[in-house]
């Protein structure tokens, strides 16, 4: 069984009163490939910062193992 490296449940990130991410739910498991794709301004960099621990979720949860 693979270990969960990231668990996000209904995570939201607000910066200066602006919602950058909303309703993010995902699980990333050890030894699995993951792609994060989207248009410019869709929140890819903000999501990576949330995953890396640079940002903390404003609401919901984003936990790293």
Protein backbone atom coordinates (compact mmCIF):
# COMPACT_ATOMS: atom_id res chain seq x y z
CA UNK A 1 0.00 0.00 0.00
CA UNK A 2 1.34 3.41 -1.00
CA UNK A 3 1.73 6.14 1.60
CA UNK A 4 -0.08 9.48 1.16
CA UNK A 5 2.41 12.35 0.81
CA UNK A 6 -0.24 15.07 0.49
CA UNK A 7 -3.86 15.22 1.52
CA UNK A 8 -5.92 18.30 0.72
CA UNK A 9 -9.58 18.56 1.64
CA UNK A 10 -11.61 21.57 0.55
CA UNK A 11 -8.51 23.77 0.88
CA UNK A 12 -8.78 27.47 0.14
CA UNK A 13 -6.12 30.18 -0.03
CA UNK A 14 -6.85 33.89 0.20
CA UNK A 15 -4.14 36.49 -0.36
CA UNK A 16 -4.91 40.14 0.44
CA UNK A 17 -8.63 39.33 0.45
CA UNK A 18 -8.54 37.69 -2.99
CA UNK A 19 -9.36 33.99 -3.29
CA UNK A 20 -6.48 32.33 -5.17
CA UNK A 21 -7.54 28.70 -4.63
CA UNK A 22 -10.95 27.38 -3.70
CA UNK A 23 -12.34 23.89 -3.04
CA UNK A 24 -9.08 22.01 -3.65
CA UNK A 25 -9.29 18.33 -2.72
CA UNK A 26 -6.66 15.79 -3.75
CA UNK A 27 -4.38 13.02 -2.54
CA UNK A 28 -0.84 12.50 -3.78
CA UNK A 29 0.71 9.14 -3.02
CA UNK A 30 4.34 8.11 -2.73
CA UNK A 31 5.94 6.78 -5.95
CA UNK A 32 3.17 8.17 -8.17
CA UNK A 33 3.57 10.68 -10.99
CA UNK A 34 1.34 13.77 -10.84
CA UNK A 35 0.80 16.53 -13.40
CA UNK A 36 -0.57 19.96 -12.53
CA UNK A 37 -1.92 21.62 -15.67
CA UNK A 38 -4.06 24.68 -16.35
CA UNK A 39 -4.29 28.01 -18.08
CA UNK A 40 -2.33 31.10 -17.06
CA UNK A 41 -3.66 32.48 -13.79
CA UNK A 42 -5.48 29.28 -12.86
CA UNK A 43 -3.57 28.82 -9.57
CA UNK A 44 -0.88 26.26 -10.46
CA UNK A 45 1.93 28.15 -8.69
CA UNK A 46 -0.29 28.86 -5.69
CA UNK A 47 -1.14 25.16 -5.48
CA UNK A 48 2.56 24.21 -5.60
CA UNK A 49 3.30 26.72 -2.83
CA UNK A 50 0.49 25.20 -0.76
CA UNK A 51 1.91 21.72 -1.34
CA UNK A 52 5.45 22.86 -0.46
CA UNK A 53 4.32 24.51 2.76
CA UNK A 54 5.20 28.04 1.63
CA UNK A 55 1.49 28.90 1.91
CA UNK A 56 -0.85 27.60 4.60
CA UNK A 57 -4.49 27.00 3.74
CA UNK A 58 -6.83 29.83 4.74
CA UNK A 59 -9.55 27.24 5.31
CA UNK A 60 -9.95 23.51 4.84
CA UNK A 61 -6.81 21.45 5.23
CA UNK A 62 -3.63 20.66 3.32
CA UNK A 63 -1.40 18.18 5.12
CA UNK A 64 2.05 16.98 4.09
CA UNK A 65 3.64 13.75 5.33
